[in-house]
Protein backbone atom coordinates (compact mmCIF):
# COMPACT_ATOMS: atom_id res chain seq x y z
CA MET A 1 0.00 0.00 0.00
CA GLU A 2 1.29 3.43 -0.94
CA LEU A 3 0.24 6.91 0.10
CA ARG A 4 -1.27 7.47 -3.34
CA HIS A 5 -3.68 4.57 -2.72
CA LEU A 6 -4.88 6.32 0.42
CA ARG A 7 -5.25 9.60 -1.44
CA TYR A 8 -7.27 7.93 -4.18
CA PHE A 9 -9.53 6.17 -1.69
CA VAL A 10 -10.12 9.28 0.43
CA THR A 11 -11.06 11.28 -2.66
CA VAL A 12 -13.54 8.63 -3.84
CA ALA A 13 -14.98 8.35 -0.32
CA GLU A 14 -15.49 12.09 -0.17
CA GLU A 15 -17.05 12.38 -3.63
CA LEU A 16 -18.89 9.01 -3.63
CA HIS A 17 -18.54 9.25 -7.39
CA PHE A 18 -15.71 7.80 -9.45
CA GLY A 19 -16.02 10.33 -12.26
CA ARG A 20 -15.83 13.38 -10.00
CA ALA A 21 -13.04 11.82 -7.94
CA ALA A 22 -11.03 11.06 -11.10
CA ARG A 23 -11.39 14.65 -12.32
CA ARG A 24 -10.35 15.98 -8.91
CA LEU A 25 -7.29 13.73 -8.91
CA GLY A 26 -6.40 14.50 -12.52
CA ILE A 27 -6.47 10.88 -13.68
CA VAL A 28 -8.81 8.87 -15.90
CA GLN A 29 -11.71 6.99 -14.29
CA PRO A 30 -10.66 3.46 -15.34
CA ALA A 31 -7.24 3.95 -13.77
CA LEU A 32 -8.86 5.14 -10.54
CA SER A 33 -11.18 2.15 -10.46
CA MET A 34 -8.22 -0.20 -10.93
CA GLN A 35 -6.30 1.46 -8.07
CA ILE A 36 -9.25 1.11 -5.67
CA LYS A 37 -9.78 -2.52 -6.71
CA SER A 38 -6.05 -3.17 -6.15
CA LEU A 39 -6.26 -1.63 -2.68
CA GLU A 40 -9.28 -3.79 -1.75
CA GLU A 41 -7.52 -6.91 -2.99
CA GLU A 42 -4.43 -6.09 -0.97
CA LEU A 43 -6.50 -5.56 2.17
CA GLY A 44 -8.75 -8.52 1.47
CA VAL A 45 -11.90 -6.53 2.25
CA ARG A 46 -14.47 -4.53 0.30
CA LEU A 47 -14.27 -0.81 1.08
CA LEU A 48 -16.95 0.44 -1.32
CA ASN A 49 -20.28 -0.86 -2.51
CA ARG A 50 -20.78 0.37 -6.06
CA THR A 51 -23.55 0.10 -8.57
CA ARG A 52 -24.04 1.90 -11.86
CA ARG A 53 -25.68 4.79 -10.00
CA THR A 54 -24.29 4.86 -6.47
CA VAL A 55 -21.08 4.46 -4.50
CA GLU A 56 -21.33 3.78 -0.78
CA LEU A 57 -18.82 3.09 1.96
CA THR A 58 -18.95 -0.27 3.65
CA GLU A 59 -18.44 -0.38 7.42
CA ALA A 60 -14.84 -1.42 6.78
CA GLY A 61 -14.54 1.47 4.33
CA ARG A 62 -15.89 3.98 6.85
CA LEU A 63 -13.38 2.94 9.49
CA PHE A 64 -10.57 2.73 6.95
CA LEU A 65 -11.39 6.30 5.84
CA GLU A 66 -10.80 7.65 9.35
CA GLU A 67 -7.40 5.99 9.57
CA ALA A 68 -6.49 6.91 6.00
CA ARG A 69 -7.15 10.58 6.74
CA ARG A 70 -5.00 10.42 9.87
CA THR A 71 -2.21 8.78 7.91
CA GLN A 72 -2.44 11.42 5.20
CA GLU A 73 -2.30 14.19 7.77
CA GLN A 74 0.71 12.62 9.45
CA ALA A 75 2.46 12.21 6.11
CA GLU A 76 1.77 15.86 5.29
CA ARG A 77 3.12 16.92 8.68
CA ALA A 78 6.23 14.83 8.10
CA ALA A 79 6.71 16.47 4.73
CA ARG A 80 6.33 19.94 6.22
CA VAL A 81 8.85 19.11 8.94
CA ALA A 82 11.34 17.87 6.36
CA ILE A 83 10.87 20.96 4.20
CA ARG A 84 11.27 23.33 7.15
CA ALA A 85 14.32 21.45 8.39
CA GLY A 86 15.82 21.71 4.91
CA ARG A 87 15.28 25.47 5.04
CA GLY A 88 16.99 25.71 8.42
CA GLU A 89 13.77 26.48 10.28
CA LEU A 90 13.74 23.33 12.45
CA GLY A 91 16.41 21.24 14.11
CA ARG A 92 18.83 21.42 16.99
CA LEU A 93 22.00 23.44 17.47
CA ASP A 94 24.62 22.72 20.13
CA ILE A 95 26.27 26.07 20.79
CA GLY A 96 29.45 26.64 22.75
CA PHE A 97 30.34 29.90 24.46
CA SER A 98 32.79 31.12 27.05
CA PHE A 99 32.21 33.27 30.09
CA ASN A 100 34.16 36.05 28.39
CA ALA A 101 31.96 35.90 25.26
CA ALA A 102 28.87 36.23 27.43
CA LEU A 103 30.29 39.27 29.21
CA SER A 104 30.93 41.11 25.95
CA GLY A 105 27.22 41.22 25.08
CA VAL A 106 27.84 39.68 21.66
CA LEU A 107 26.33 36.35 22.68
CA ALA A 108 23.00 37.93 23.65
CA ARG A 109 22.88 40.08 20.50
CA VAL A 110 23.47 37.17 18.12
CA LEU A 111 21.13 34.76 19.91
CA LYS A 112 18.32 37.32 20.02
CA ALA A 113 18.62 37.93 16.28
CA PHE A 114 18.65 34.21 15.56
CA ARG A 115 15.61 33.49 17.73
CA GLN A 116 13.69 36.12 15.78
CA ARG A 117 14.62 34.45 12.47
CA ALA A 118 14.33 30.79 13.53
CA PRO A 119 12.21 30.52 16.69
CA ASP A 120 11.54 26.79 16.30
CA ILE A 121 15.15 25.60 16.31
CA GLU A 122 16.14 24.02 19.62
CA LEU A 123 19.27 25.64 21.07
CA VAL A 124 21.41 23.71 23.55
CA PHE A 125 24.15 25.72 25.27
CA HIS A 126 27.54 24.55 26.54
CA GLU A 127 29.76 26.91 28.53
CA LEU A 128 33.30 25.97 27.51
CA HIS A 129 36.72 27.56 27.31
CA PRO A 130 37.59 28.58 23.71
CA ASN A 131 40.17 25.78 23.44
CA ASP A 132 37.60 23.22 24.53
CA GLN A 133 35.13 24.65 22.03
CA LEU A 134 37.64 24.17 19.23
CA ALA A 135 38.15 20.55 20.23
CA ALA A 136 34.39 19.97 20.45
CA LEU A 137 33.83 21.53 17.03
CA LEU A 138 36.50 19.37 15.42
CA GLU A 139 35.01 16.28 17.08
CA ARG A 140 31.47 17.29 16.00
CA ARG A 141 30.21 17.62 19.57
CA LEU A 142 29.30 21.26 18.88
CA HIS A 143 27.68 22.80 15.83
CA VAL A 144 28.72 26.40 16.54
CA GLY A 145 31.18 28.00 18.94
CA PHE A 146 31.59 31.58 20.14
CA ILE A 147 35.37 31.89 20.28
CA THR A 148 36.73 34.88 22.19
CA ALA A 149 40.49 35.32 22.00
CA PRO A 150 43.17 37.58 20.57
CA SER A 151 43.15 37.52 16.77
CA HIS A 152 44.88 34.33 15.63
CA ALA A 153 44.77 31.64 12.99
CA MET A 154 42.02 29.05 13.36
CA PRO A 155 42.13 25.37 12.36
CA ALA A 156 41.68 24.92 8.60
CA GLU A 157 38.67 22.67 9.20
CA LEU A 158 36.67 25.61 10.58
CA ILE A 159 34.97 28.64 9.07
CA THR A 160 34.79 31.74 11.25
CA ALA A 161 32.79 34.94 11.10
CA ARG A 162 33.74 37.80 13.38
CA VAL A 163 30.91 39.21 15.46
CA GLY A 164 32.88 41.64 17.61
CA ALA A 165 36.35 43.12 18.01
CA TRP A 166 37.69 45.46 20.65
CA ARG A 167 40.98 47.17 21.36
CA LEU A 168 42.96 45.86 24.28
CA MET A 169 43.02 47.70 27.58
CA VAL A 170 45.41 47.28 30.48
CA ALA A 171 43.59 46.60 33.75
CA LEU A 172 45.61 48.02 36.66
CA PRO A 173 45.15 48.30 40.41
CA ALA A 174 43.58 51.72 40.95
CA GLU A 175 46.67 53.02 42.80
CA HIS A 176 49.19 51.62 40.32
CA PRO A 177 51.69 54.20 38.97
CA LEU A 178 50.74 53.35 35.37
CA SER A 179 47.15 54.37 36.09
CA ARG A 180 48.33 57.98 36.01
CA ARG A 181 49.10 57.65 32.30
CA ASP A 182 46.60 58.17 29.48
CA SER A 183 47.79 54.94 27.83
CA VAL A 184 50.29 52.17 28.54
CA PRO A 185 52.99 51.28 25.97
CA VAL A 186 53.47 47.55 25.70
CA GLU A 187 57.15 47.76 26.71
CA LEU A 188 56.18 49.06 30.15
CA LEU A 189 54.42 45.78 30.86
CA MET A 190 57.74 43.88 30.79
CA LYS A 191 58.37 44.74 34.44
CA GLU A 192 54.86 43.85 35.60
CA SER A 193 53.44 40.61 36.94
CA LEU A 194 50.75 39.65 34.47
CA ILE A 195 47.52 37.81 35.22
CA ASP A 196 46.68 35.58 32.26
CA TYR A 197 43.11 34.27 32.11
CA SER A 198 43.32 33.04 28.51
CA SER A 199 44.21 29.47 29.49
CA ALA A 200 44.66 27.35 32.58
CA ARG A 201 47.14 25.16 30.67
CA ALA A 202 50.17 26.74 29.06
CA GLU A 203 50.39 24.14 26.28
CA LEU A 204 47.00 25.07 24.76
CA SER A 205 47.04 26.60 21.31
CA ILE A 206 45.22 29.94 21.70
CA PRO A 207 47.88 32.64 22.24
CA THR A 208 48.33 33.88 25.79
CA ILE A 209 49.55 37.30 26.86
CA GLU A 210 53.05 36.47 25.62
CA GLY A 211 51.61 36.14 22.13
CA ILE A 212 50.14 39.63 22.33
CA THR A 213 53.01 41.47 23.93
CA GLY A 214 55.85 39.69 22.14
CA PHE A 215 57.83 38.93 25.28
CA VAL A 216 57.80 36.28 27.98
CA SER A 217 55.89 37.71 30.90
CA ARG A 218 56.13 37.09 34.60
CA THR A 219 52.82 35.33 35.00
CA ALA A 220 51.41 35.75 38.48
CA TYR A 221 48.25 33.77 37.81
CA ARG A 222 46.89 31.64 35.00
CA GLY A 223 43.19 30.89 34.79
CA THR A 224 40.17 30.93 32.48
CA ASN A 225 37.84 33.54 33.94
CA ILE A 226 38.16 37.24 33.23
CA MET A 227 36.25 38.21 36.38
CA ALA A 228 38.62 36.23 38.56
CA GLY A 229 41.51 37.96 36.81
CA LEU A 230 40.05 41.41 37.43
CA ASN A 231 39.49 40.66 41.10
CA LEU A 232 43.14 39.65 41.44
CA VAL A 233 44.12 42.91 39.74
CA ALA A 234 41.98 44.87 42.20
CA ALA A 235 43.69 43.01 45.06
CA GLY A 236 47.10 44.10 43.78
CA PHE A 237 48.42 40.73 42.48
CA GLY A 238 49.31 42.08 39.03
CA VAL A 239 47.89 43.59 35.86
CA THR A 240 46.05 42.04 32.93
CA LEU A 241 44.72 42.76 29.47
CA VAL A 242 41.00 42.96 28.75
CA PRO A 243 38.85 43.93 25.77
CA GLU A 244 37.36 47.39 25.79
CA SER A 245 33.88 45.83 25.99
CA ILE A 246 34.60 44.92 29.62
CA VAL A 247 35.40 48.54 30.47
CA ARG A 248 31.97 49.64 29.23
CA MET A 249 30.30 47.38 31.79
CA ASN A 250 31.44 49.61 34.69
CA ILE A 251 32.25 46.71 36.98
CA ASP A 252 32.40 48.09 40.50
CA ILE A 253 35.89 47.03 41.63
CA ASP A 254 39.09 48.97 42.31
CA VAL A 255 40.56 48.71 38.81
CA ALA A 256 41.76 51.36 36.39
CA TYR A 257 41.73 50.76 32.62
CA ARG A 258 44.15 52.31 30.14
CA PRO A 259 44.53 51.66 26.38
CA LEU A 260 47.45 49.41 25.44
CA THR A 261 49.65 50.90 22.72
CA GLY A 262 52.38 49.39 20.60
CA VAL A 263 50.50 46.23 19.59
CA ARG A 264 48.17 45.46 16.68
CA ALA A 265 46.29 42.59 18.30
CA ARG A 266 42.65 43.03 19.22
CA MET A 267 40.33 40.88 21.26
CA GLU A 268 37.85 39.26 18.91
CA THR A 269 34.72 37.15 19.24
CA SER A 270 33.91 34.99 16.24
CA ILE A 271 31.47 32.24 15.58
CA ALA A 272 33.12 29.08 14.30
CA TYR A 273 31.67 26.01 12.63
CA ARG A 274 32.99 23.15 10.54
CA ARG A 275 33.79 23.86 6.91
CA ASP A 276 32.06 20.61 5.89
CA GLU A 277 28.99 21.26 8.06
CA GLN A 278 25.83 20.14 6.25
CA SER A 279 23.18 21.23 8.77
CA PRO A 280 20.78 23.81 7.26
CA ALA A 281 20.27 25.17 10.79
CA VAL A 282 23.98 26.00 11.02
CA GLN A 283 23.84 27.68 7.61
CA ARG A 284 20.84 29.72 8.80
CA PHE A 285 22.79 30.71 11.92
CA ALA A 286 25.73 31.85 9.78
CA GLU A 287 23.40 33.88 7.56
CA VAL A 288 21.97 35.68 10.59
CA VAL A 289 25.47 36.50 11.83
CA GLN A 290 26.55 37.82 8.42
CA ALA A 291 23.52 40.15 8.38
CA LEU A 292 24.34 41.72 11.75
CA PRO A 293 26.20 45.05 11.92
CA ARG A 294 29.80 44.62 13.06
CA THR A 295 31.02 46.01 16.39
């Protein structure tokens, strides 16, 4: 039995006339009669009582009609789901983000825009360090990652689209001598103890402060959380580098911020996804990001 058999039967049952049903279906009457006869033979039961003048449903036909309609409706729903999924309107996205990406405001801006464009896609969030996001993307455990780090080369398997970029600021204890300057040249950081929150493990691939400044720093603390780093700065344990987006948040701690000069690096947030990604939902996500104004 095929779906077309159900469609033919439902049409005949609704019209109770083979000629009208054939015209409605766009086929010739003899072909329709053969299809109904074939269906009855397959089921081993008569669905219609027909004479030269009338067509009536048998009791088996009446009950079969109810189920046939339900099956048709389910098949139509399945088709609509498939079509919408193919357009990137349905599906599931596993999205990675870091604490630092959330603080920048970029995460909220992108997700809000995407929800407006594709409200029926299920979003599952995973808070992960950028390095762990890269690993998860390469292993197909994430569909999309929000990678926040100094500008750097990404694995060739990934496509990235920048959603935010900010100049680097030096975060200093409020009473630090460098806080009296309008800006801090990078060479003046050589004598400072630096708090590096870009990685808890020195061997990871995303550049740390040494990659930005160009010299090996005296690292007083190495962690993954920008807020922890800023609290250590406020307590006088050292200085650190932060994106300008953090300064705009007016975090109420004893820290002074000054622009870092003498370097070209910026702190960037980009979405990343696999180059060979086939999911229409991911492609829809990328389209939404491309349409957003850049910060």
